[in-house]
Amino acid sequence: MLLNVAIWLGLGCGAGKDTGIDCTNPPTYTTWTQGFLDGKCQSCHATTAENRHGAPPNVAFDTETMTNEWKDRIEATILNKESMPPSGGITLEERILLEQWLECGE
């Protein structure tokens, strides 16, 4: 019994949270997230966007550092509320990759 508990605890320690997300080979900002944001978010969430369509001026994803500041909000609006992007949702594959990046990312 004690061995089972130790194994279970060891498996959930990948990123410090036990969420069930596979953190074996998560996408990085450079390999996936930046392209996803460019295609789905930057038309409103870039500091250079001509028309931000109501996006708060301080919520911008121009760089990895800027994006990391908004990880909780990205999770809340895209994954939980599913209110972003307003032009349409994301695919199941994009959802999985985004969950992995948010949970396990660099």
N, C-alpha and C. Protein backbone atom coordinates (compact mmCIF):
# COMPACT_ATOMS: atom_id res chain seq x y z
N MET A 1 0.82 -1.20 0.00
CA MET A 1 0.00 0.00 0.00
C MET A 1 0.86 1.26 0.00
N LEU A 2 1.87 1.30 0.85
CA LEU A 2 2.75 2.46 0.93
C LEU A 2 3.51 2.66 -0.39
N LEU A 3 3.91 1.56 -1.03
CA LEU A 3 4.59 1.66 -2.31
C LEU A 3 3.67 2.27 -3.37
N ASN A 4 2.39 1.89 -3.38
CA ASN A 4 1.43 2.46 -4.33
C ASN A 4 1.29 3.96 -4.14
N VAL A 5 1.25 4.42 -2.90
CA VAL A 5 1.13 5.85 -2.61
C VAL A 5 2.37 6.58 -3.10
N ALA A 6 3.55 6.00 -2.85
CA ALA A 6 4.80 6.63 -3.28
C ALA A 6 4.86 6.73 -4.80
N ILE A 7 4.44 5.69 -5.49
CA ILE A 7 4.44 5.72 -6.95
C ILE A 7 3.46 6.77 -7.45
N TRP A 8 2.25 6.80 -6.89
CA TRP A 8 1.24 7.78 -7.31
C TRP A 8 1.74 9.20 -7.08
N LEU A 9 2.35 9.45 -5.93
CA LEU A 9 2.88 10.79 -5.65
C LEU A 9 4.00 11.15 -6.61
N GLY A 10 4.85 10.21 -6.93
CA GLY A 10 5.95 10.45 -7.85
C GLY A 10 5.47 10.79 -9.25
N LEU A 11 4.40 10.16 -9.70
CA LEU A 11 3.87 10.42 -11.03
C LEU A 11 3.27 11.81 -11.15
N GLY A 12 2.76 12.35 -10.08
CA GLY A 12 2.11 13.66 -10.13
C GLY A 12 3.04 14.82 -9.89
N CYS A 13 4.32 14.58 -9.84
CA CYS A 13 5.25 15.64 -9.48
C CYS A 13 5.91 16.33 -10.66
N GLY A 14 5.51 16.06 -11.88
CA GLY A 14 6.15 16.63 -13.06
C GLY A 14 6.29 18.14 -13.01
N ALA A 15 5.22 18.87 -12.74
CA ALA A 15 5.29 20.33 -12.72
C ALA A 15 4.83 20.89 -11.39
N GLY A 16 4.73 20.02 -10.38
CA GLY A 16 4.32 20.48 -9.07
C GLY A 16 2.82 20.46 -8.86
N LYS A 17 2.05 20.11 -9.89
CA LYS A 17 0.60 20.05 -9.78
C LYS A 17 0.15 18.70 -10.29
N ASP A 18 -0.96 18.18 -9.77
CA ASP A 18 -1.49 16.92 -10.25
C ASP A 18 -2.79 17.21 -11.00
N THR A 19 -2.67 17.55 -12.27
CA THR A 19 -3.84 17.93 -13.05
C THR A 19 -4.23 16.90 -14.09
N GLY A 20 -3.40 15.88 -14.27
CA GLY A 20 -3.67 14.90 -15.29
C GLY A 20 -3.14 15.29 -16.67
N ILE A 21 -2.51 16.45 -16.78
CA ILE A 21 -1.94 16.90 -18.05
C ILE A 21 -0.63 16.15 -18.28
N ASP A 22 -0.43 15.64 -19.49
CA ASP A 22 0.80 14.93 -19.84
C ASP A 22 1.92 15.94 -20.07
N CYS A 23 2.88 15.95 -19.17
CA CYS A 23 3.99 16.90 -19.27
C CYS A 23 5.26 16.23 -19.79
N THR A 24 5.11 15.11 -20.47
CA THR A 24 6.27 14.38 -20.99
C THR A 24 7.04 15.20 -22.01
N ASN A 25 6.34 15.81 -22.95
CA ASN A 25 7.00 16.58 -24.01
C ASN A 25 6.15 17.80 -24.34
N PRO A 26 6.07 18.77 -23.42
CA PRO A 26 5.19 19.92 -23.65
C PRO A 26 5.73 20.86 -24.73
N PRO A 27 4.84 21.57 -25.39
CA PRO A 27 5.30 22.56 -26.36
C PRO A 27 5.97 23.71 -25.62
N THR A 28 6.83 24.40 -26.33
CA THR A 28 7.47 25.58 -25.75
C THR A 28 6.85 26.83 -26.38
N TYR A 29 7.18 27.96 -25.83
CA TYR A 29 6.70 29.21 -26.39
C TYR A 29 7.16 29.34 -27.84
N THR A 30 8.41 29.03 -28.07
CA THR A 30 8.99 29.18 -29.41
C THR A 30 8.45 28.16 -30.41
N THR A 31 8.30 26.91 -29.98
CA THR A 31 7.90 25.86 -30.92
C THR A 31 6.42 25.83 -31.23
N TRP A 32 5.57 26.33 -30.33
CA TRP A 32 4.14 26.26 -30.60
C TRP A 32 3.36 27.50 -30.16
N THR A 33 3.54 27.93 -28.95
CA THR A 33 2.68 28.97 -28.36
C THR A 33 2.74 30.29 -29.13
N GLN A 34 3.91 30.72 -29.51
CA GLN A 34 4.04 31.98 -30.24
C GLN A 34 3.23 31.95 -31.53
N GLY A 35 3.30 30.88 -32.27
CA GLY A 35 2.53 30.76 -33.51
C GLY A 35 1.04 30.72 -33.25
N PHE A 36 0.63 30.03 -32.20
CA PHE A 36 -0.78 29.97 -31.82
C PHE A 36 -1.29 31.36 -31.49
N LEU A 37 -0.54 32.10 -30.68
CA LEU A 37 -0.95 33.46 -30.30
C LEU A 37 -0.98 34.38 -31.51
N ASP A 38 0.00 34.24 -32.39
CA ASP A 38 0.03 35.07 -33.60
C ASP A 38 -1.23 34.85 -34.43
N GLY A 39 -1.65 33.61 -34.55
CA GLY A 39 -2.81 33.29 -35.38
C GLY A 39 -4.16 33.53 -34.72
N LYS A 40 -4.23 33.43 -33.41
CA LYS A 40 -5.52 33.49 -32.72
C LYS A 40 -5.72 34.75 -31.87
N CYS A 41 -4.64 35.41 -31.45
CA CYS A 41 -4.77 36.46 -30.43
C CYS A 41 -4.19 37.82 -30.81
N GLN A 42 -3.14 37.81 -31.61
CA GLN A 42 -2.40 39.04 -31.84
C GLN A 42 -3.14 40.12 -32.61
N SER A 43 -4.21 39.78 -33.30
CA SER A 43 -4.94 40.84 -34.00
C SER A 43 -5.53 41.84 -33.01
N CYS A 44 -5.77 41.40 -31.77
CA CYS A 44 -6.29 42.30 -30.73
C CYS A 44 -5.29 42.52 -29.59
N HIS A 45 -4.44 41.54 -29.34
CA HIS A 45 -3.56 41.57 -28.17
C HIS A 45 -2.10 41.84 -28.51
N ALA A 46 -1.85 42.64 -29.52
CA ALA A 46 -0.50 43.11 -29.84
C ALA A 46 -0.46 44.61 -29.55
N THR A 47 0.65 45.07 -29.06
CA THR A 47 0.75 46.51 -28.77
C THR A 47 0.64 47.34 -30.04
N THR A 48 0.89 46.73 -31.19
CA THR A 48 0.83 47.45 -32.46
C THR A 48 -0.50 47.24 -33.20
N ALA A 49 -1.45 46.54 -32.59
CA ALA A 49 -2.73 46.28 -33.25
C ALA A 49 -3.44 47.60 -33.53
N GLU A 50 -3.87 47.79 -34.77
CA GLU A 50 -4.55 49.03 -35.15
C GLU A 50 -5.90 49.16 -34.48
N ASN A 51 -6.63 48.06 -34.37
CA ASN A 51 -7.93 48.06 -33.71
C ASN A 51 -7.95 46.88 -32.75
N ARG A 52 -7.91 47.17 -31.46
CA ARG A 52 -7.85 46.12 -30.45
C ARG A 52 -9.22 45.54 -30.12
N HIS A 53 -10.26 46.04 -30.74
CA HIS A 53 -11.62 45.52 -30.56
C HIS A 53 -12.00 45.36 -29.09
N GLY A 54 -11.62 46.33 -28.28
CA GLY A 54 -11.99 46.32 -26.87
C GLY A 54 -11.03 45.60 -25.95
N ALA A 55 -9.98 45.01 -26.49
CA ALA A 55 -9.00 44.33 -25.63
C ALA A 55 -8.31 45.36 -24.74
N PRO A 56 -8.17 45.08 -23.46
CA PRO A 56 -7.50 46.04 -22.58
C PRO A 56 -6.09 46.36 -23.09
N PRO A 57 -5.70 47.61 -23.05
CA PRO A 57 -4.40 48.01 -23.60
C PRO A 57 -3.22 47.34 -22.92
N ASN A 58 -3.36 46.96 -21.67
CA ASN A 58 -2.24 46.34 -20.95
C ASN A 58 -2.14 44.83 -21.19
N VAL A 59 -3.12 44.22 -21.85
CA VAL A 59 -3.08 42.79 -22.12
C VAL A 59 -2.54 42.58 -23.53
N ALA A 60 -1.23 42.37 -23.59
CA ALA A 60 -0.56 42.19 -24.88
C ALA A 60 0.35 40.98 -24.79
N PHE A 61 0.46 40.28 -25.93
CA PHE A 61 1.24 39.05 -25.99
C PHE A 61 2.39 39.18 -26.99
N ASP A 62 3.05 40.31 -27.00
CA ASP A 62 4.12 40.57 -27.97
C ASP A 62 5.36 39.72 -27.74
N THR A 63 5.65 39.40 -26.50
CA THR A 63 6.86 38.64 -26.16
C THR A 63 6.50 37.51 -25.22
N GLU A 64 7.44 36.61 -25.04
CA GLU A 64 7.22 35.50 -24.10
C GLU A 64 7.01 36.04 -22.68
N THR A 65 7.79 37.02 -22.29
CA THR A 65 7.67 37.59 -20.95
C THR A 65 6.29 38.22 -20.76
N MET A 66 5.84 38.98 -21.74
CA MET A 66 4.52 39.61 -21.65
C MET A 66 3.42 38.54 -21.58
N THR A 67 3.56 37.50 -22.37
CA THR A 67 2.57 36.43 -22.40
C THR A 67 2.53 35.69 -21.07
N ASN A 68 3.69 35.40 -20.52
CA ASN A 68 3.74 34.68 -19.24
C ASN A 68 3.01 35.41 -18.13
N GLU A 69 2.99 36.73 -18.19
CA GLU A 69 2.28 37.52 -17.18
C GLU A 69 0.78 37.25 -17.20
N TRP A 70 0.27 36.76 -18.32
CA TRP A 70 -1.18 36.58 -18.50
C TRP A 70 -1.61 35.11 -18.58
N LYS A 71 -0.74 34.18 -18.16
CA LYS A 71 -1.07 32.76 -18.27
C LYS A 71 -2.39 32.41 -17.58
N ASP A 72 -2.60 32.93 -16.38
CA ASP A 72 -3.85 32.62 -15.66
C ASP A 72 -5.07 33.11 -16.43
N ARG A 73 -4.96 34.30 -17.00
CA ARG A 73 -6.08 34.87 -17.76
C ARG A 73 -6.30 34.15 -19.08
N ILE A 74 -5.21 33.72 -19.70
CA ILE A 74 -5.31 32.94 -20.93
C ILE A 74 -6.07 31.65 -20.64
N GLU A 75 -5.69 30.99 -19.56
CA GLU A 75 -6.37 29.75 -19.17
C GLU A 75 -7.86 30.01 -18.90
N ALA A 76 -8.13 31.06 -18.16
CA ALA A 76 -9.52 31.36 -17.79
C ALA A 76 -10.38 31.68 -19.01
N THR A 77 -9.88 32.50 -19.92
CA THR A 77 -10.73 32.95 -21.03
C THR A 77 -10.79 31.96 -22.18
N ILE A 78 -9.68 31.27 -22.47
CA ILE A 78 -9.69 30.34 -23.60
C ILE A 78 -10.17 28.96 -23.18
N LEU A 79 -9.66 28.44 -22.08
CA LEU A 79 -9.97 27.06 -21.69
C LEU A 79 -11.20 26.94 -20.80
N ASN A 80 -11.36 27.83 -19.84
CA ASN A 80 -12.47 27.69 -18.90
C ASN A 80 -13.76 28.33 -19.40
N LYS A 81 -13.72 29.62 -19.71
CA LYS A 81 -14.93 30.32 -20.18
C LYS A 81 -15.20 30.07 -21.65
N GLU A 82 -14.14 29.74 -22.39
CA GLU A 82 -14.22 29.56 -23.84
C GLU A 82 -14.76 30.81 -24.54
N SER A 83 -14.40 31.98 -24.00
CA SER A 83 -14.86 33.25 -24.56
C SER A 83 -13.84 33.88 -25.51
N MET A 84 -12.69 33.29 -25.63
CA MET A 84 -11.65 33.75 -26.54
C MET A 84 -11.17 32.56 -27.35
N PRO A 85 -10.74 32.77 -28.54
CA PRO A 85 -10.86 34.00 -29.31
C PRO A 85 -12.30 34.24 -29.75
N PRO A 86 -12.71 35.49 -29.83
CA PRO A 86 -14.10 35.79 -30.16
C PRO A 86 -14.49 35.40 -31.58
N SER A 87 -13.50 35.22 -32.46
CA SER A 87 -13.81 34.83 -33.84
C SER A 87 -14.11 33.35 -33.97
N GLY A 88 -13.98 32.61 -32.89
CA GLY A 88 -14.26 31.18 -32.90
C GLY A 88 -13.36 30.47 -31.92
N GLY A 89 -13.76 29.29 -31.54
CA GLY A 89 -13.00 28.53 -30.56
C GLY A 89 -11.72 27.97 -31.12
N ILE A 90 -11.15 27.08 -30.36
CA ILE A 90 -9.91 26.43 -30.78
C ILE A 90 -10.19 24.95 -30.98
N THR A 91 -9.33 24.30 -31.74
CA THR A 91 -9.50 22.88 -31.99
C THR A 91 -9.11 22.09 -30.75
N LEU A 92 -9.48 20.82 -30.73
CA LEU A 92 -9.12 19.94 -29.62
C LEU A 92 -7.59 19.84 -29.51
N GLU A 93 -6.92 19.72 -30.64
CA GLU A 93 -5.45 19.64 -30.62
C GLU A 93 -4.85 20.92 -30.03
N GLU A 94 -5.36 22.08 -30.43
CA GLU A 94 -4.86 23.34 -29.88
C GLU A 94 -5.13 23.41 -28.39
N ARG A 95 -6.27 22.94 -27.96
CA ARG A 95 -6.62 22.95 -26.53
C ARG A 95 -5.63 22.11 -25.73
N ILE A 96 -5.33 20.92 -26.24
CA ILE A 96 -4.40 20.03 -25.55
C ILE A 96 -3.02 20.67 -25.46
N LEU A 97 -2.55 21.22 -26.57
CA LEU A 97 -1.23 21.86 -26.57
C LEU A 97 -1.19 23.08 -25.66
N LEU A 98 -2.26 23.87 -25.66
CA LEU A 98 -2.32 25.04 -24.79
C LEU A 98 -2.33 24.62 -23.32
N GLU A 99 -3.10 23.60 -22.99
CA GLU A 99 -3.12 23.08 -21.62
C GLU A 99 -1.73 22.62 -21.20
N GLN A 100 -1.04 21.91 -22.10
CA GLN A 100 0.31 21.44 -21.79
C GLN A 100 1.26 22.61 -21.58
N TRP A 101 1.19 23.61 -22.45
CA TRP A 101 2.09 24.75 -22.30
C TRP A 101 1.81 25.50 -21.00
N LEU A 102 0.55 25.72 -20.70
CA LEU A 102 0.21 26.45 -19.47
C LEU A 102 0.62 25.69 -18.23
N GLU A 103 0.42 24.39 -18.23
CA GLU A 103 0.69 23.57 -17.05
C GLU A 103 2.15 23.18 -16.91
N CYS A 104 2.79 22.86 -18.01
CA CYS A 104 4.11 22.25 -17.96
C CYS A 104 5.21 23.11 -18.55
N GLY A 105 4.83 24.18 -19.22
CA GLY A 105 5.78 24.98 -19.99
C GLY A 105 6.94 25.51 -19.19
N GLU A 106 7.91 25.96 -19.94
CA GLU A 106 9.17 26.44 -19.42
C GLU A 106 9.04 27.38 -18.34
